Amino acid sequence: MFSVIVAEAVLLCAGGGLVGLLLGHALVFVAGPIVEAKSDILIDPWFFESQELAILPALLVLAVIVGLVPGLTAYRRRRRQGPQRLSAPCEICVNLRNLWMIFLFP
C-alpha cells in the first residue's frame, strides 16, 4: 500500500509538471505573435530556460516527500490492524492491482 501511494503522488506530480510545461509553452506559442505586434518584443516559444528543466526533478523529489506522509500512515494502520482476508475481490480490483504491479515491478 505504501508504494502505491508514493507512486500515485509521483505520477500525478510528473504528469502535472509535464502538462504545465507544455501548456505554458503552448500559451507562449499562441500569445507570442500578439505580444510582438503590440510591443515589438519577440518571444520564442521553443526556448527553454535551465530553470524549467530543473523543475521536473524538483517536482519528483517533492512528490516523494508529499507521498511519504499518507504512505506511512497507511502502512502503520495496516500493521496495527494485522492481516485481513478480503472477500472475493471484484474483477476490476484484481485487474487494477495487476496493472499497478506491472508498473511498479517490471
C-alpha atoms as a PDB file:
ATOM      1  CA  MET A   1       0.000   0.000   0.000  1.00  0.00           C
ATOM      2  CA  PHE A   2       2.885   2.330   0.838  1.00  0.00           C
ATOM      3  CA  SER A   3       4.497   2.054  -2.595  1.00  0.00           C
ATOM      4  CA  VAL A   4       1.159   2.534  -4.351  1.00  0.00           C
ATOM      5  CA  ILE A   5       0.517   5.821  -2.536  1.00  0.00           C
ATOM      6  CA  VAL A   6       4.027   7.149  -3.196  1.00  0.00           C
ATOM      7  CA  ALA A   7       3.839   6.030  -6.845  1.00  0.00           C
ATOM      8  CA  GLU A   8       0.492   7.793  -7.215  1.00  0.00           C
ATOM      9  CA  ALA A   9       1.965  11.029  -5.858  1.00  0.00           C
ATOM     10  CA  VAL A  10       4.963  10.771  -8.191  1.00  0.00           C
ATOM     11  CA  LEU A  11       2.815  10.019 -11.250  1.00  0.00           C
ATOM     12  CA  LEU A  12       0.431  12.876 -10.502  1.00  0.00           C
ATOM     13  CA  CYS A  13       3.247  15.377  -9.977  1.00  0.00           C
ATOM     14  CA  ALA A  14       5.197  14.239 -13.036  1.00  0.00           C
ATOM     15  CA  GLY A  15       2.075  14.358 -15.196  1.00  0.00           C
ATOM     16  CA  GLY A  16       1.063  17.746 -13.825  1.00  0.00           C
ATOM     17  CA  GLY A  17       4.562  19.130 -14.320  1.00  0.00           C
ATOM     18  CA  LEU A  18       4.743  17.947 -17.932  1.00  0.00           C
ATOM     19  CA  VAL A  19       1.246  19.188 -18.752  1.00  0.00           C
ATOM     20  CA  GLY A  20       2.004  22.556 -17.140  1.00  0.00           C
ATOM     21  CA  LEU A  21       5.255  22.874 -19.054  1.00  0.00           C
ATOM     22  CA  LEU A  22       3.560  22.020 -22.341  1.00  0.00           C
ATOM     23  CA  LEU A  23       0.592  24.307 -21.716  1.00  0.00           C
ATOM     24  CA  GLY A  24       2.891  27.175 -20.742  1.00  0.00           C
ATOM     25  CA  HIS A  25       4.835  26.894 -23.973  1.00  0.00           C
ATOM     26  CA  ALA A  26       1.620  26.462 -25.964  1.00  0.00           C
ATOM     27  CA  LEU A  27       0.331  29.692 -24.442  1.00  0.00           C
ATOM     28  CA  VAL A  28       3.549  31.476 -25.405  1.00  0.00           C
ATOM     29  CA  PHE A  29       3.216  29.996 -28.896  1.00  0.00           C
ATOM     30  CA  VAL A  30      -0.307  31.447 -29.212  1.00  0.00           C
ATOM     31  CA  ALA A  31       0.322  34.768 -27.461  1.00  0.00           C
ATOM     32  CA  GLY A  32       3.816  35.395 -28.875  1.00  0.00           C
ATOM     33  CA  PRO A  33       2.647  36.987 -32.142  1.00  0.00           C
ATOM     34  CA  ILE A  34       0.150  39.188 -30.286  1.00  0.00           C
ATOM     35  CA  VAL A  35       2.829  40.440 -27.898  1.00  0.00           C
ATOM     36  CA  GLU A  36       5.209  41.022 -30.799  1.00  0.00           C
ATOM     37  CA  ALA A  37       2.606  43.005 -32.756  1.00  0.00           C
ATOM     38  CA  LYS A  38       1.770  45.251 -29.797  1.00  0.00           C
ATOM     39  CA  SER A  39       5.211  45.785 -28.266  1.00  0.00           C
ATOM     40  CA  ASP A  40       7.837  44.734 -30.825  1.00  0.00           C
ATOM     41  CA  ILE A  41       9.203  42.187 -28.336  1.00  0.00           C
ATOM     42  CA  LEU A  42       9.957  38.802 -29.886  1.00  0.00           C
ATOM     43  CA  ILE A  43       9.158  35.813 -27.661  1.00  0.00           C
ATOM     44  CA  ASP A  44      10.465  32.418 -28.786  1.00  0.00           C
ATOM     45  CA  PRO A  45       8.050  29.639 -27.728  1.00  0.00           C
ATOM     46  CA  TRP A  46      10.698  26.948 -28.361  1.00  0.00           C
ATOM     47  CA  PHE A  47      13.210  28.446 -25.896  1.00  0.00           C
ATOM     48  CA  PHE A  48      13.608  26.529 -22.648  1.00  0.00           C
ATOM     49  CA  GLU A  49      15.210  28.107 -19.605  1.00  0.00           C
ATOM     50  CA  SER A  50      17.524  25.980 -17.491  1.00  0.00           C
ATOM     51  CA  GLN A  51      15.201  26.573 -14.511  1.00  0.00           C
ATOM     52  CA  GLU A  52      12.369  24.905 -16.424  1.00  0.00           C
ATOM     53  CA  LEU A  53      14.409  21.738 -16.785  1.00  0.00           C
ATOM     54  CA  ALA A  54      15.205  21.768 -13.073  1.00  0.00           C
ATOM     55  CA  ILE A  55      11.522  21.973 -12.155  1.00  0.00           C
ATOM     56  CA  LEU A  56      10.672  18.374 -13.103  1.00  0.00           C
ATOM     57  CA  PRO A  57      13.293  16.661 -10.899  1.00  0.00           C
ATOM     58  CA  ALA A  58      12.392  19.038  -8.069  1.00  0.00           C
ATOM     59  CA  LEU A  59       8.718  18.110  -8.505  1.00  0.00           C
ATOM     60  CA  LEU A  60       9.569  14.419  -8.297  1.00  0.00           C
ATOM     61  CA  VAL A  61      11.503  14.925  -5.052  1.00  0.00           C
ATOM     62  CA  LEU A  62       8.616  16.925  -3.591  1.00  0.00           C
ATOM     63  CA  ALA A  63       6.151  14.257  -4.746  1.00  0.00           C
ATOM     64  CA  VAL A  64       8.055  11.571  -2.854  1.00  0.00           C
ATOM     65  CA  ILE A  65       8.131  13.758   0.254  1.00  0.00           C
ATOM     66  CA  VAL A  66       4.410  14.524  -0.024  1.00  0.00           C
ATOM     67  CA  GLY A  67       3.572  10.857  -0.690  1.00  0.00           C
ATOM     68  CA  LEU A  68       5.504   9.697   2.378  1.00  0.00           C
ATOM     69  CA  VAL A  69       3.029  11.086   4.909  1.00  0.00           C
ATOM     70  CA  PRO A  70      -0.100   9.268   3.689  1.00  0.00           C
ATOM     71  CA  GLY A  71       2.004   6.249   2.720  1.00  0.00           C
ATOM     72  CA  LEU A  72       3.443   5.887   6.209  1.00  0.00           C
ATOM     73  CA  THR A  73       0.025   6.480   7.729  1.00  0.00           C
ATOM     74  CA  ALA A  74      -1.464   3.676   5.624  1.00  0.00           C
ATOM     75  CA  TYR A  75       1.489   1.413   6.427  1.00  0.00           C
ATOM     76  CA  ARG A  76       1.131   1.955  10.185  1.00  0.00           C
ATOM     77  CA  ARG A  77      -2.627   1.492  10.088  1.00  0.00           C
ATOM     78  CA  ARG A  78      -2.224  -1.732   8.119  1.00  0.00           C
ATOM     79  CA  ARG A  79       0.355  -3.088  10.588  1.00  0.00           C
ATOM     80  CA  ARG A  80      -1.842  -2.161  13.551  1.00  0.00           C
ATOM     81  CA  GLN A  81      -4.883  -3.928  12.100  1.00  0.00           C
ATOM     82  CA  GLY A  82      -2.939  -7.032  11.113  1.00  0.00           C
ATOM     83  CA  PRO A  83      -3.511  -9.147   8.038  1.00  0.00           C
ATOM     84  CA  GLN A  84      -7.032  -9.123   6.736  1.00  0.00           C
ATOM     85  CA  ARG A  85      -8.761 -11.522   4.461  1.00  0.00           C
ATOM     86  CA  LEU A  86     -10.783  -9.924   1.751  1.00  0.00           C
ATOM     87  CA  SER A  87     -13.919 -11.418   0.388  1.00  0.00           C
ATOM     88  CA  ALA A  88     -13.686 -12.400  -3.253  1.00  0.00           C
ATOM     89  CA  PRO A  89     -12.261  -9.307  -4.961  1.00  0.00           C
ATOM     90  CA  CYS A  90     -14.097  -7.916  -7.900  1.00  0.00           C
ATOM     91  CA  GLU A  91     -12.561  -8.431 -11.325  1.00  0.00           C
ATOM     92  CA  ILE A  92     -11.871  -4.707 -11.756  1.00  0.00           C
ATOM     93  CA  CYS A  93      -9.908  -4.578  -8.471  1.00  0.00           C
ATOM     94  CA  VAL A  94      -7.799  -7.566  -9.493  1.00  0.00           C
ATOM     95  CA  ASN A  95      -7.074  -6.023 -12.887  1.00  0.00           C
ATOM     96  CA  LEU A  96      -6.095  -2.685 -11.300  1.00  0.00           C
ATOM     97  CA  ARG A  97      -3.818  -4.440  -8.831  1.00  0.00           C
ATOM     98  CA  ASN A  98      -2.141  -6.368 -11.652  1.00  0.00           C
ATOM     99  CA  LEU A  99      -1.711  -3.161 -13.645  1.00  0.00           C
ATOM    100  CA  TRP A 100      -0.009  -1.434 -10.689  1.00  0.00           C
ATOM    101  CA  MET A 101       2.275  -4.442 -10.227  1.00  0.00           C
ATOM    102  CA  ILE A 102       3.353  -4.200 -13.874  1.00  0.00           C
ATOM    103  CA  PHE A 103       4.289  -0.521 -13.466  1.00  0.00           C
ATOM    104  CA  LEU A 104       5.976  -0.869 -10.081  1.00  0.00           C
ATOM    105  CA  PHE A 105       7.837  -4.126 -10.646  1.00  0.00           C
ATOM    106  CA  PRO A 106       8.538  -4.589 -14.385  1.00  0.00           C
END
